[in-house]
N, C-alpha and C. Protein backbone atom coordinates (compact mmCIF):
# COMPACT_ATOMS: atom_id res chain seq x y z
N MET A 1 26.18 -16.76 11.25
CA MET A 1 26.72 -15.44 10.68
C MET A 1 25.78 -14.85 9.66
N LYS A 2 25.69 -13.71 9.56
CA LYS A 2 24.72 -13.05 8.55
C LYS A 2 25.55 -12.69 7.26
N PHE A 3 25.01 -12.91 6.15
CA PHE A 3 25.76 -12.50 4.92
C PHE A 3 24.75 -11.79 4.01
N MET A 4 25.20 -10.80 3.25
CA MET A 4 24.42 -10.25 2.23
C MET A 4 24.84 -10.83 0.85
N VAL A 5 23.91 -11.48 0.15
CA VAL A 5 24.23 -11.96 -1.13
C VAL A 5 23.59 -11.02 -2.22
N LEU A 6 24.64 -10.36 -3.10
CA LEU A 6 24.20 -9.40 -4.09
C LEU A 6 24.12 -10.09 -5.48
N LEU A 7 23.00 -10.08 -6.13
CA LEU A 7 23.02 -10.61 -7.39
C LEU A 7 23.36 -9.43 -8.41
N LYS A 8 24.32 -9.71 -9.17
CA LYS A 8 24.94 -8.69 -10.11
C LYS A 8 23.97 -8.68 -11.30
N SER A 9 23.88 -7.35 -11.93
CA SER A 9 23.03 -7.16 -13.20
C SER A 9 23.79 -7.57 -14.21
N ASP A 10 23.13 -7.33 -15.43
CA ASP A 10 23.68 -7.40 -16.77
C ASP A 10 23.08 -6.41 -17.69
N ASN A 11 23.36 -6.41 -18.95
CA ASN A 11 22.81 -5.61 -19.87
C ASN A 11 21.28 -5.79 -20.05
N GLU A 12 20.98 -7.08 -20.11
CA GLU A 12 19.45 -7.36 -20.46
C GLU A 12 18.62 -6.87 -19.25
N ILE A 13 19.08 -7.08 -17.98
CA ILE A 13 18.39 -6.56 -16.88
C ILE A 13 18.22 -5.20 -16.74
N GLU A 14 19.33 -4.54 -17.07
CA GLU A 14 19.48 -2.98 -17.08
C GLU A 14 18.53 -2.43 -18.09
N ALA A 15 18.37 -3.12 -19.22
CA ALA A 15 17.54 -2.84 -20.18
C ALA A 15 16.01 -2.93 -19.87
N GLY A 16 15.83 -3.53 -18.67
CA GLY A 16 14.48 -3.61 -18.29
C GLY A 16 13.79 -4.98 -18.56
N GLY A 17 14.65 -5.94 -19.04
CA GLY A 17 14.26 -7.35 -19.18
C GLY A 17 13.74 -7.92 -17.99
N LEU A 18 12.60 -8.58 -18.24
CA LEU A 18 11.88 -9.42 -17.02
C LEU A 18 12.25 -11.03 -17.12
N PRO A 19 12.09 -11.54 -15.98
CA PRO A 19 12.26 -13.04 -15.99
C PRO A 19 11.19 -13.65 -16.48
N SER A 20 11.45 -14.85 -17.08
CA SER A 20 10.37 -15.66 -17.46
C SER A 20 9.59 -16.45 -16.51
N GLU A 21 8.33 -16.76 -16.79
CA GLU A 21 7.60 -17.37 -15.61
C GLU A 21 8.33 -18.71 -15.23
N ALA A 22 9.01 -19.39 -16.18
CA ALA A 22 9.84 -20.74 -15.79
C ALA A 22 10.85 -20.18 -14.68
N LEU A 23 11.57 -19.12 -15.10
CA LEU A 23 12.61 -18.83 -14.23
C LEU A 23 11.96 -18.23 -12.68
N LEU A 24 10.99 -17.63 -12.88
CA LEU A 24 10.28 -17.24 -11.49
C LEU A 24 9.84 -18.41 -10.70
N VAL A 25 9.52 -19.40 -11.33
CA VAL A 25 9.18 -20.59 -10.64
C VAL A 25 10.37 -21.24 -10.12
N GLU A 26 11.50 -21.34 -10.83
CA GLU A 26 12.89 -21.82 -10.23
C GLU A 26 13.30 -21.01 -8.95
N PHE A 27 13.16 -19.64 -9.03
CA PHE A 27 13.61 -19.00 -7.96
C PHE A 27 12.55 -19.05 -6.87
N ALA A 28 11.35 -19.33 -7.07
CA ALA A 28 10.41 -19.54 -5.87
C ALA A 28 10.66 -20.75 -5.26
N GLN A 29 11.15 -21.82 -6.08
CA GLN A 29 11.57 -23.03 -5.35
C GLN A 29 12.84 -22.89 -4.54
N PHE A 30 13.94 -22.21 -5.10
CA PHE A 30 15.16 -21.84 -4.57
C PHE A 30 14.93 -21.13 -3.26
N ASN A 31 14.14 -20.08 -3.31
CA ASN A 31 13.88 -19.21 -2.05
C ASN A 31 13.04 -20.13 -1.00
N GLY A 32 12.09 -20.89 -1.51
CA GLY A 32 11.50 -21.67 -0.62
C GLY A 32 12.29 -22.67 0.14
N ASP A 33 13.39 -23.26 -0.60
CA ASP A 33 14.35 -24.04 0.26
C ASP A 33 15.08 -23.32 1.31
N LEU A 34 15.38 -22.08 1.05
CA LEU A 34 16.00 -21.20 2.01
C LEU A 34 15.14 -20.87 3.29
N VAL A 35 13.84 -20.71 2.88
CA VAL A 35 12.82 -20.48 3.97
C VAL A 35 12.76 -21.70 4.90
N ARG A 36 12.56 -22.80 4.14
CA ARG A 36 12.40 -23.98 4.91
C ARG A 36 13.69 -24.40 5.74
N SER A 37 14.77 -24.01 5.27
CA SER A 37 15.94 -24.21 6.09
C SER A 37 16.04 -23.35 7.22
N GLY A 38 15.40 -22.26 7.29
CA GLY A 38 15.35 -21.38 8.31
C GLY A 38 16.54 -20.43 8.25
N VAL A 39 17.18 -20.05 7.10
CA VAL A 39 18.27 -19.31 6.90
C VAL A 39 17.97 -17.85 6.17
N LEU A 40 16.84 -17.84 5.63
CA LEU A 40 16.47 -16.63 4.86
C LEU A 40 15.91 -15.49 5.73
N LEU A 41 16.44 -14.37 5.92
CA LEU A 41 16.16 -13.30 6.47
C LEU A 41 15.26 -12.16 5.65
N ALA A 42 15.67 -12.05 4.45
CA ALA A 42 15.02 -11.03 3.41
C ALA A 42 15.57 -11.43 2.08
N ALA A 43 14.73 -11.06 1.07
CA ALA A 43 15.12 -11.40 -0.32
C ALA A 43 14.28 -10.35 -1.03
N GLU A 44 14.81 -9.53 -2.11
CA GLU A 44 14.22 -8.61 -2.95
C GLU A 44 14.99 -8.49 -4.32
N GLY A 45 14.17 -8.21 -5.27
CA GLY A 45 14.67 -7.95 -6.60
C GLY A 45 14.60 -6.41 -6.66
N LEU A 46 15.67 -5.99 -7.45
CA LEU A 46 15.69 -4.40 -7.57
C LEU A 46 15.27 -3.97 -9.15
N ARG A 47 14.68 -2.91 -9.15
CA ARG A 47 14.49 -2.52 -10.59
C ARG A 47 15.92 -1.85 -11.12
N PRO A 48 15.94 -1.68 -12.40
CA PRO A 48 17.07 -1.22 -13.33
C PRO A 48 17.62 0.19 -12.58
N SER A 49 18.82 0.32 -12.88
CA SER A 49 19.52 1.64 -12.24
C SER A 49 18.88 2.87 -12.89
N THR A 50 18.17 2.70 -14.21
CA THR A 50 17.46 3.75 -14.74
C THR A 50 16.39 4.50 -13.79
N ASP A 51 15.74 3.60 -12.92
CA ASP A 51 14.93 4.05 -12.04
C ASP A 51 15.42 4.60 -10.64
N GLY A 52 16.81 4.45 -10.59
CA GLY A 52 17.52 4.69 -9.36
C GLY A 52 18.05 6.11 -9.28
N VAL A 53 18.57 6.59 -8.13
CA VAL A 53 19.12 7.76 -7.98
C VAL A 53 20.46 7.64 -6.94
N ARG A 54 21.35 8.48 -7.34
CA ARG A 54 22.48 8.41 -6.31
C ARG A 54 22.57 9.77 -5.56
N VAL A 55 22.91 9.82 -4.38
CA VAL A 55 22.98 11.14 -3.60
C VAL A 55 24.50 11.10 -3.25
N HIS A 56 25.13 12.20 -3.60
CA HIS A 56 26.56 12.49 -3.36
C HIS A 56 26.49 13.55 -2.23
N LEU A 57 27.15 13.28 -1.23
CA LEU A 57 27.37 14.15 0.05
C LEU A 57 28.75 14.73 -0.17
N ASP A 58 28.61 16.09 -0.53
CA ASP A 58 29.85 16.98 -0.69
C ASP A 58 29.59 18.03 0.38
N GLY A 59 30.26 17.89 1.71
CA GLY A 59 30.05 18.76 2.58
C GLY A 59 28.69 19.13 2.86
N ASP A 60 28.25 20.35 2.83
CA ASP A 60 26.92 20.85 3.38
C ASP A 60 25.92 20.88 2.00
N HIS A 61 26.51 20.49 0.88
CA HIS A 61 25.77 20.61 -0.28
C HIS A 61 25.50 19.27 -0.99
N PRO A 62 24.73 18.36 -0.55
CA PRO A 62 24.40 17.20 -1.27
C PRO A 62 23.72 17.27 -2.67
N ARG A 63 24.35 16.49 -3.55
CA ARG A 63 23.64 16.65 -4.83
C ARG A 63 23.26 15.17 -5.34
N THR A 64 22.32 15.15 -6.19
CA THR A 64 21.65 13.86 -6.72
C THR A 64 22.00 13.68 -8.20
N VAL A 65 22.07 12.37 -8.53
CA VAL A 65 22.35 12.04 -9.98
C VAL A 65 21.46 10.96 -10.37
N ASP A 66 20.64 11.18 -11.33
CA ASP A 66 19.62 10.13 -11.79
C ASP A 66 20.14 9.05 -12.63
N GLY A 67 19.72 7.83 -12.44
CA GLY A 67 20.30 6.83 -13.31
C GLY A 67 19.75 6.97 -14.77
N PRO A 68 20.22 6.22 -15.69
CA PRO A 68 20.89 4.86 -15.53
C PRO A 68 22.48 5.26 -15.08
N PHE A 69 22.99 4.29 -14.60
CA PHE A 69 24.54 4.28 -14.18
C PHE A 69 25.38 3.35 -15.01
N ALA A 70 26.68 3.95 -15.40
CA ALA A 70 27.52 3.08 -16.34
C ALA A 70 27.88 1.82 -15.52
N GLY A 71 28.20 0.88 -16.35
CA GLY A 71 28.66 -0.44 -16.14
C GLY A 71 27.58 -1.35 -15.50
N ALA A 72 26.86 -1.92 -16.47
CA ALA A 72 25.72 -2.87 -16.07
C ALA A 72 26.18 -3.89 -15.08
N LYS A 73 27.39 -4.43 -15.22
CA LYS A 73 27.72 -5.52 -14.42
C LYS A 73 28.20 -5.15 -13.05
N ASP A 74 28.27 -3.78 -12.84
CA ASP A 74 28.70 -3.25 -11.46
C ASP A 74 27.46 -2.93 -10.64
N GLN A 75 26.15 -3.15 -11.40
CA GLN A 75 24.99 -2.79 -10.64
C GLN A 75 24.36 -4.11 -9.95
N VAL A 76 23.57 -3.90 -9.01
CA VAL A 76 23.02 -5.06 -8.31
C VAL A 76 21.52 -5.16 -8.61
N ALA A 77 21.27 -6.23 -9.06
CA ALA A 77 19.73 -6.64 -9.45
C ALA A 77 18.82 -7.18 -8.44
N GLY A 78 19.43 -7.56 -7.21
CA GLY A 78 18.67 -8.05 -6.33
C GLY A 78 19.55 -8.45 -5.03
N PHE A 79 18.98 -8.87 -3.94
CA PHE A 79 19.79 -9.34 -2.84
C PHE A 79 19.03 -10.34 -2.01
N TRP A 80 19.73 -11.13 -1.16
CA TRP A 80 19.30 -11.90 -0.09
C TRP A 80 19.96 -11.57 1.10
N LEU A 81 19.41 -11.62 2.29
CA LEU A 81 20.15 -11.66 3.55
C LEU A 81 19.71 -12.95 4.20
N ILE A 82 20.93 -13.52 4.49
CA ILE A 82 20.93 -15.03 5.12
C ILE A 82 21.78 -15.00 6.33
N ASP A 83 21.23 -16.04 7.29
CA ASP A 83 21.92 -16.29 8.57
C ASP A 83 22.30 -17.79 8.37
N VAL A 84 23.60 -18.11 8.18
CA VAL A 84 24.07 -19.46 8.04
C VAL A 84 25.36 -19.56 8.90
N PRO A 85 25.94 -20.90 9.01
CA PRO A 85 27.02 -21.01 9.92
C PRO A 85 28.32 -20.52 9.40
N SER A 86 28.50 -20.49 8.13
CA SER A 86 29.70 -20.10 7.64
C SER A 86 29.73 -19.39 6.26
N GLN A 87 30.65 -18.90 5.71
CA GLN A 87 30.68 -18.37 4.29
C GLN A 87 30.62 -19.44 3.42
N GLN A 88 31.38 -20.49 3.73
CA GLN A 88 31.27 -21.69 2.77
C GLN A 88 29.88 -22.18 2.54
N ASP A 89 29.12 -22.21 3.66
CA ASP A 89 27.71 -22.69 3.76
C ASP A 89 26.99 -21.79 2.72
N ALA A 90 27.05 -20.51 2.78
CA ALA A 90 26.47 -19.54 1.69
C ALA A 90 26.90 -19.88 0.40
N VAL A 91 28.22 -20.15 0.27
CA VAL A 91 28.68 -20.46 -1.18
C VAL A 91 28.11 -21.78 -1.71
N ASP A 92 27.98 -22.66 -0.96
CA ASP A 92 27.39 -23.92 -1.34
C ASP A 92 25.98 -23.80 -1.65
N ARG A 93 25.16 -23.11 -0.84
CA ARG A 93 23.72 -22.75 -1.20
C ARG A 93 23.58 -22.01 -2.40
N PHE A 94 24.30 -21.03 -2.77
CA PHE A 94 24.11 -20.23 -3.82
C PHE A 94 24.85 -20.73 -5.12
N SER A 95 25.55 -21.69 -4.88
CA SER A 95 26.10 -22.43 -6.02
C SER A 95 24.97 -23.16 -6.79
N ARG A 96 23.85 -23.45 -6.03
CA ARG A 96 22.72 -24.12 -6.61
C ARG A 96 21.64 -23.17 -7.12
N MET A 97 21.95 -21.84 -7.11
CA MET A 97 20.98 -20.84 -7.43
C MET A 97 20.69 -20.97 -9.01
N PRO A 98 19.34 -20.65 -9.40
CA PRO A 98 19.10 -20.65 -10.82
C PRO A 98 19.85 -19.69 -11.49
N HIS A 99 20.20 -19.99 -12.93
CA HIS A 99 20.92 -18.96 -13.69
C HIS A 99 19.94 -17.81 -14.19
N VAL A 100 20.23 -16.67 -14.09
CA VAL A 100 19.35 -15.60 -14.45
C VAL A 100 19.42 -15.41 -15.93
N GLN A 101 18.25 -15.38 -16.51
CA GLN A 101 18.10 -15.34 -17.91
C GLN A 101 18.89 -16.31 -18.83
N GLY A 102 19.45 -17.35 -18.14
CA GLY A 102 20.25 -18.27 -18.78
C GLY A 102 21.58 -17.95 -19.18
N GLY A 103 22.05 -16.80 -18.65
CA GLY A 103 23.45 -16.39 -19.04
C GLY A 103 24.37 -16.52 -17.95
N HIS A 104 25.46 -15.70 -17.90
CA HIS A 104 26.42 -15.82 -16.85
C HIS A 104 26.03 -15.13 -15.69
N THR A 105 25.67 -15.81 -14.61
CA THR A 105 25.19 -15.18 -13.38
C THR A 105 26.28 -15.16 -12.32
N VAL A 106 26.29 -13.90 -11.70
CA VAL A 106 27.34 -13.74 -10.62
C VAL A 106 26.66 -13.28 -9.40
N VAL A 107 26.95 -13.88 -8.28
CA VAL A 107 26.56 -13.37 -7.04
C VAL A 107 27.73 -13.04 -6.15
N GLU A 108 27.67 -12.00 -5.22
CA GLU A 108 28.70 -11.57 -4.43
C GLU A 108 28.28 -11.86 -3.00
N ILE A 109 29.06 -12.45 -2.24
CA ILE A 109 28.67 -12.75 -0.86
C ILE A 109 29.46 -11.96 0.12
N ARG A 110 28.86 -11.10 0.86
CA ARG A 110 29.51 -10.19 1.61
C ARG A 110 29.02 -10.37 3.13
N PRO A 111 29.94 -10.64 4.24
CA PRO A 111 29.67 -10.78 5.58
C PRO A 111 28.90 -9.57 5.98
N VAL A 112 27.93 -9.63 6.94
CA VAL A 112 27.38 -8.45 7.52
C VAL A 112 28.18 -8.10 8.76
N MET A 113 28.57 -6.88 9.08
CA MET A 113 29.29 -6.38 10.13
C MET A 113 28.45 -6.49 11.61
N ALA A 114 29.24 -7.15 12.55
CA ALA A 114 28.49 -7.28 13.91
C ALA A 114 29.17 -6.12 14.71
N GLN A 115 28.50 -5.99 15.88
CA GLN A 115 29.02 -4.90 16.73
C GLN A 115 30.50 -4.86 17.10
N ASP A 116 30.92 -6.30 17.31
CA ASP A 116 32.32 -6.31 17.75
C ASP A 116 33.13 -6.01 16.65
N ASP A 117 32.80 -5.97 15.36
CA ASP A 117 33.80 -5.68 14.31
C ASP A 117 34.10 -4.13 14.53
N PHE A 118 33.54 -3.41 15.19
CA PHE A 118 33.77 -1.83 15.34
C PHE A 118 34.80 -1.67 16.48
N GLY A 119 35.10 -2.75 17.19
CA GLY A 119 36.04 -2.53 18.23
C GLY A 119 35.76 -1.60 19.45
N ASP A 120 36.55 -0.91 20.02
CA ASP A 120 36.30 -0.04 21.18
C ASP A 120 35.27 1.20 20.91
N ALA A 121 35.09 1.34 19.45
CA ALA A 121 34.19 2.48 19.15
C ALA A 121 32.79 2.17 19.51
N MET A 122 32.52 0.89 19.65
CA MET A 122 31.07 0.43 19.90
C MET A 122 31.10 0.15 21.46
N THR A 123 30.91 1.35 22.11
CA THR A 123 30.86 1.42 23.57
C THR A 123 29.58 0.58 24.15
N PRO A 124 29.57 0.38 25.31
CA PRO A 124 28.46 -0.29 25.99
C PRO A 124 27.18 0.58 25.85
N GLU A 125 27.27 1.83 25.85
CA GLU A 125 26.23 2.79 25.80
C GLU A 125 25.66 2.62 24.27
N LEU A 126 26.45 2.56 23.34
CA LEU A 126 25.97 2.36 21.96
C LEU A 126 25.23 1.04 21.75
N ARG A 127 25.76 -0.09 22.50
CA ARG A 127 25.16 -1.40 22.28
C ARG A 127 23.77 -1.29 22.96
N ALA A 128 23.59 -0.56 24.19
CA ALA A 128 22.45 -0.57 24.86
C ALA A 128 21.51 0.35 23.90
N LEU A 129 21.89 1.47 23.32
CA LEU A 129 21.03 2.20 22.39
C LEU A 129 20.63 1.28 21.15
N ALA A 130 21.38 0.42 20.62
CA ALA A 130 20.92 -0.43 19.55
C ALA A 130 19.87 -1.32 20.14
N ILE A 131 19.96 -1.84 21.35
CA ILE A 131 18.84 -2.88 21.81
C ILE A 131 17.57 -1.99 22.04
N ARG A 132 17.65 -0.94 22.49
CA ARG A 132 16.37 0.02 22.70
C ARG A 132 15.85 0.23 21.37
N ALA A 133 16.63 0.28 20.42
CA ALA A 133 16.09 0.91 19.12
C ALA A 133 15.28 -0.39 18.44
N LEU A 134 15.38 -1.48 19.03
CA LEU A 134 14.60 -2.73 18.44
C LEU A 134 13.08 -2.51 18.81
N GLY A 135 12.65 -1.79 19.79
CA GLY A 135 11.45 -1.59 20.25
C GLY A 135 10.98 -2.47 21.33
N ARG A 136 10.02 -2.15 22.05
CA ARG A 136 9.58 -2.75 23.29
C ARG A 136 9.26 -4.27 23.12
N ARG A 137 8.57 -4.53 22.18
CA ARG A 137 8.13 -5.95 21.95
C ARG A 137 9.29 -6.59 21.41
N SER A 138 10.05 -6.27 20.39
CA SER A 138 11.23 -7.15 20.01
C SER A 138 12.17 -7.23 21.09
N HIS A 139 12.46 -6.20 21.87
CA HIS A 139 13.38 -6.25 22.93
C HIS A 139 12.95 -7.33 24.03
N ALA A 140 11.65 -7.52 24.13
CA ALA A 140 11.17 -8.36 25.25
C ALA A 140 11.62 -9.81 24.79
N TYR A 141 11.45 -10.04 23.51
CA TYR A 141 11.70 -11.53 22.89
C TYR A 141 13.18 -11.58 22.99
N LEU A 142 14.05 -10.62 22.59
CA LEU A 142 15.25 -10.78 22.62
C LEU A 142 16.00 -11.07 23.93
N ALA A 143 15.40 -10.27 24.94
CA ALA A 143 15.82 -10.56 26.40
C ALA A 143 15.51 -12.01 26.90
N GLU A 144 14.44 -12.28 26.45
CA GLU A 144 13.91 -13.58 26.89
C GLU A 144 14.98 -14.71 26.26
N MET A 145 15.31 -14.65 25.01
CA MET A 145 16.28 -15.66 24.40
C MET A 145 17.58 -15.47 24.85
N VAL A 146 18.15 -14.26 25.27
CA VAL A 146 19.49 -14.06 25.66
C VAL A 146 19.58 -14.62 27.08
N ASP A 147 18.73 -14.03 28.11
CA ASP A 147 19.01 -14.26 29.33
C ASP A 147 17.94 -15.26 30.15
N GLY A 148 17.01 -15.48 29.45
CA GLY A 148 16.06 -16.47 30.05
C GLY A 148 15.19 -15.69 31.09
N GLY A 149 15.02 -14.36 30.90
CA GLY A 149 14.31 -13.55 32.04
C GLY A 149 12.79 -13.68 31.56
N SER A 150 12.10 -13.02 32.39
CA SER A 150 10.58 -12.90 32.18
C SER A 150 10.11 -11.68 31.47
N ALA A 151 11.00 -11.12 30.63
CA ALA A 151 10.58 -9.78 30.00
C ALA A 151 9.38 -10.21 28.89
N ALA A 152 9.55 -11.15 28.21
CA ALA A 152 8.60 -11.60 27.21
C ALA A 152 7.27 -11.75 27.71
N GLU A 153 7.18 -12.60 28.95
CA GLU A 153 5.97 -12.88 29.44
C GLU A 153 5.30 -11.68 30.09
N ALA A 154 6.13 -10.65 30.64
CA ALA A 154 5.73 -9.47 31.17
C ALA A 154 5.01 -8.58 29.99
N ALA A 155 5.66 -8.57 28.82
CA ALA A 155 5.27 -7.81 27.76
C ALA A 155 4.06 -8.27 26.99
N THR A 156 3.90 -9.72 26.89
CA THR A 156 2.96 -10.23 26.10
C THR A 156 2.07 -11.20 26.84
N GLY A 157 2.43 -11.69 27.96
CA GLY A 157 1.73 -12.65 28.50
C GLY A 157 1.86 -14.10 27.86
N GLU A 158 2.81 -14.18 27.02
CA GLU A 158 2.96 -15.58 26.29
C GLU A 158 4.30 -16.11 26.74
N GLY A 159 4.99 -15.48 27.62
CA GLY A 159 6.30 -15.85 27.81
C GLY A 159 6.60 -17.34 28.29
N ALA A 160 5.52 -17.74 29.39
CA ALA A 160 5.74 -19.09 29.97
C ALA A 160 5.32 -19.97 28.90
N GLU A 161 4.32 -19.82 28.09
CA GLU A 161 3.94 -20.80 27.09
C GLU A 161 5.19 -20.93 26.07
N VAL A 162 5.68 -19.89 25.58
CA VAL A 162 6.78 -19.93 24.61
C VAL A 162 8.03 -20.62 25.26
N ASP A 163 8.34 -20.29 26.55
CA ASP A 163 9.50 -20.73 27.13
C ASP A 163 9.53 -22.29 27.24
N ARG A 164 8.35 -22.99 27.24
CA ARG A 164 8.33 -24.48 27.21
C ARG A 164 8.74 -25.07 25.89
N ASP A 165 8.51 -24.33 24.88
CA ASP A 165 8.89 -24.88 23.53
C ASP A 165 10.31 -25.15 23.35
N PRO A 166 10.62 -26.45 23.15
CA PRO A 166 12.01 -26.83 22.99
C PRO A 166 12.74 -26.15 21.85
N VAL A 167 12.17 -25.85 20.78
CA VAL A 167 12.81 -25.13 19.72
C VAL A 167 13.16 -23.78 20.20
N PHE A 168 12.27 -23.02 20.99
CA PHE A 168 12.60 -21.74 21.48
C PHE A 168 13.81 -21.81 22.55
N LYS A 169 13.89 -22.87 23.35
CA LYS A 169 14.97 -22.97 24.25
C LYS A 169 16.26 -23.14 23.52
N GLN A 170 16.28 -23.84 22.41
CA GLN A 170 17.44 -24.08 21.62
C GLN A 170 17.90 -22.53 21.14
N LYS A 171 16.98 -22.03 20.49
CA LYS A 171 17.33 -20.62 20.01
C LYS A 171 17.70 -19.68 20.90
N ARG A 172 17.13 -19.67 22.18
CA ARG A 172 17.65 -18.77 23.27
C ARG A 172 18.98 -19.19 23.69
N ALA A 173 19.38 -20.46 23.71
CA ALA A 173 20.75 -20.69 23.97
C ALA A 173 21.73 -20.25 22.85
N GLU A 174 21.39 -20.42 21.56
CA GLU A 174 22.18 -19.91 20.56
C GLU A 174 22.40 -18.50 20.71
N SER A 175 21.22 -17.80 21.09
CA SER A 175 21.27 -16.41 21.12
C SER A 175 22.34 -15.90 22.18
N ALA A 176 22.27 -16.64 23.26
CA ALA A 176 23.05 -16.27 24.35
C ALA A 176 24.51 -16.43 24.08
N ARG A 177 24.98 -17.36 23.21
CA ARG A 177 26.39 -17.45 22.60
C ARG A 177 26.58 -16.32 21.72
N ASP A 178 25.61 -15.79 21.01
CA ASP A 178 25.90 -14.80 20.07
C ASP A 178 25.31 -13.37 20.49
N ALA A 179 25.27 -13.22 21.85
CA ALA A 179 24.70 -11.94 22.33
C ALA A 179 25.46 -10.69 21.90
N ASN A 180 26.73 -10.91 21.69
CA ASN A 180 27.67 -9.79 21.28
C ASN A 180 27.68 -9.61 19.70
N HIS A 181 26.70 -10.32 19.07
CA HIS A 181 26.89 -10.06 17.55
C HIS A 181 25.33 -9.66 17.07
N LEU A 182 24.82 -8.64 17.75
CA LEU A 182 23.61 -8.04 17.22
C LEU A 182 23.88 -7.21 16.01
N PRO A 183 22.93 -6.88 15.18
CA PRO A 183 23.25 -5.91 14.08
C PRO A 183 23.91 -4.60 14.44
N ALA A 184 25.01 -4.30 13.62
CA ALA A 184 25.56 -3.03 13.97
C ALA A 184 24.60 -1.85 13.83
N VAL A 185 23.78 -1.94 12.82
CA VAL A 185 22.86 -0.81 12.79
C VAL A 185 21.36 -1.40 12.92
N VAL A 186 20.65 -0.81 13.93
CA VAL A 186 19.34 -1.55 14.12
C VAL A 186 18.36 -0.56 13.93
N ASP A 187 17.47 -0.73 13.07
CA ASP A 187 16.30 0.28 12.79
C ASP A 187 15.06 -0.70 12.50
N ALA A 188 14.03 0.03 11.91
CA ALA A 188 12.88 -0.70 11.70
C ALA A 188 12.82 -1.88 10.79
N GLN A 189 13.83 -1.87 9.86
CA GLN A 189 13.97 -2.92 9.17
C GLN A 189 15.05 -4.11 9.50
N SER A 190 15.56 -3.96 10.67
CA SER A 190 16.45 -4.99 11.10
C SER A 190 15.81 -6.20 11.37
N LEU A 191 16.46 -7.30 10.98
CA LEU A 191 15.89 -8.63 11.00
C LEU A 191 16.17 -9.23 12.22
N ILE A 192 15.26 -9.62 13.15
CA ILE A 192 15.51 -10.23 14.34
C ILE A 192 14.59 -11.48 14.50
N VAL A 193 15.03 -12.41 15.41
CA VAL A 193 14.37 -13.61 15.53
C VAL A 193 13.14 -13.43 16.58
N VAL A 194 11.90 -13.57 16.13
CA VAL A 194 10.70 -13.38 17.16
C VAL A 194 9.93 -14.77 17.07
N VAL A 195 9.02 -14.71 17.82
CA VAL A 195 8.05 -15.94 17.79
C VAL A 195 6.89 -15.61 16.92
N SER A 196 6.88 -16.44 15.94
CA SER A 196 5.64 -16.41 15.08
C SER A 196 4.39 -16.85 15.77
N ARG A 197 3.28 -16.11 15.70
CA ARG A 197 1.89 -16.55 16.27
C ARG A 197 1.02 -16.97 15.17
N THR A 198 1.58 -17.06 13.95
CA THR A 198 0.74 -17.39 12.79
C THR A 198 0.85 -18.84 12.36
N GLY A 199 2.05 -19.48 12.81
CA GLY A 199 2.17 -20.85 12.49
C GLY A 199 2.04 -21.78 13.70
N ARG A 200 2.80 -22.91 13.75
CA ARG A 200 2.64 -23.71 14.94
C ARG A 200 3.00 -23.05 16.23
N ARG A 201 2.43 -23.36 17.32
CA ARG A 201 2.58 -22.74 18.61
C ARG A 201 4.09 -22.82 19.04
N GLY A 202 4.63 -21.54 19.15
CA GLY A 202 6.05 -21.45 19.50
C GLY A 202 7.03 -21.56 18.37
N GLU A 203 6.56 -21.62 17.14
CA GLU A 203 7.37 -21.65 16.00
C GLU A 203 8.03 -20.46 15.97
N LEU A 204 9.41 -20.56 15.56
CA LEU A 204 10.31 -19.49 15.39
C LEU A 204 10.34 -18.96 13.96
N SER A 205 10.31 -17.71 13.75
CA SER A 205 10.68 -17.18 12.36
C SER A 205 11.19 -15.96 12.32
N HIS A 206 11.89 -15.58 11.20
CA HIS A 206 12.66 -14.37 11.04
C HIS A 206 11.60 -13.29 10.53
N HIS A 207 11.48 -12.22 11.22
CA HIS A 207 10.55 -11.35 10.95
C HIS A 207 11.14 -9.83 10.66
N PRO A 208 10.89 -9.22 9.55
CA PRO A 208 11.49 -8.08 9.20
C PRO A 208 11.15 -6.82 10.18
N THR A 209 10.03 -6.70 10.47
CA THR A 209 9.76 -5.52 11.23
C THR A 209 8.57 -6.07 12.47
N VAL A 210 8.74 -5.29 13.54
CA VAL A 210 7.86 -5.61 14.72
C VAL A 210 7.32 -4.43 15.15
N ASN A 211 6.13 -4.21 15.29
CA ASN A 211 5.43 -3.04 15.67
C ASN A 211 5.11 -3.04 17.15
């Protein structure tokens, strides 16, 4: 299951305060553990709301409001996108997160909506459109993982080699069970499982974009 973990801001962060070197080291170790566990899809820190803008859509006349925005504790200072077995797993992992600036740190954990969450409104046509939006290369790997077809081999010439990898076969089996849980919105930043050619042969990694 995918979860978005939102790091809540505070007055110090909203004022432009930066983390210390020691805190950056702690977060590097924490994020590194998430990467090594294979659950981290994305993670970024956000600049204060002073640098942000809100767009209000009022009919045909959208308007913008520049930051800063009221309520420091209501703002978001950063986020993680993770894929873990359960919400409790996410809670357990982020209970070990470093404390920001040594103060009272709050993270909010929200499930990411899957296509099935939209019910009948998510028609087969919309599901097909979402898959096409992944792009030819990513779609080839997704098809290979879901149904074991030869799409990846035809697209890249690497399908047969990858298919022999036991880790790949395991991931394909998992993907077959989760075929109806593709991201509800799929675009260039959608995080999908692809085969990394930069590490060990057949190693799986979560890649933010595929060209």
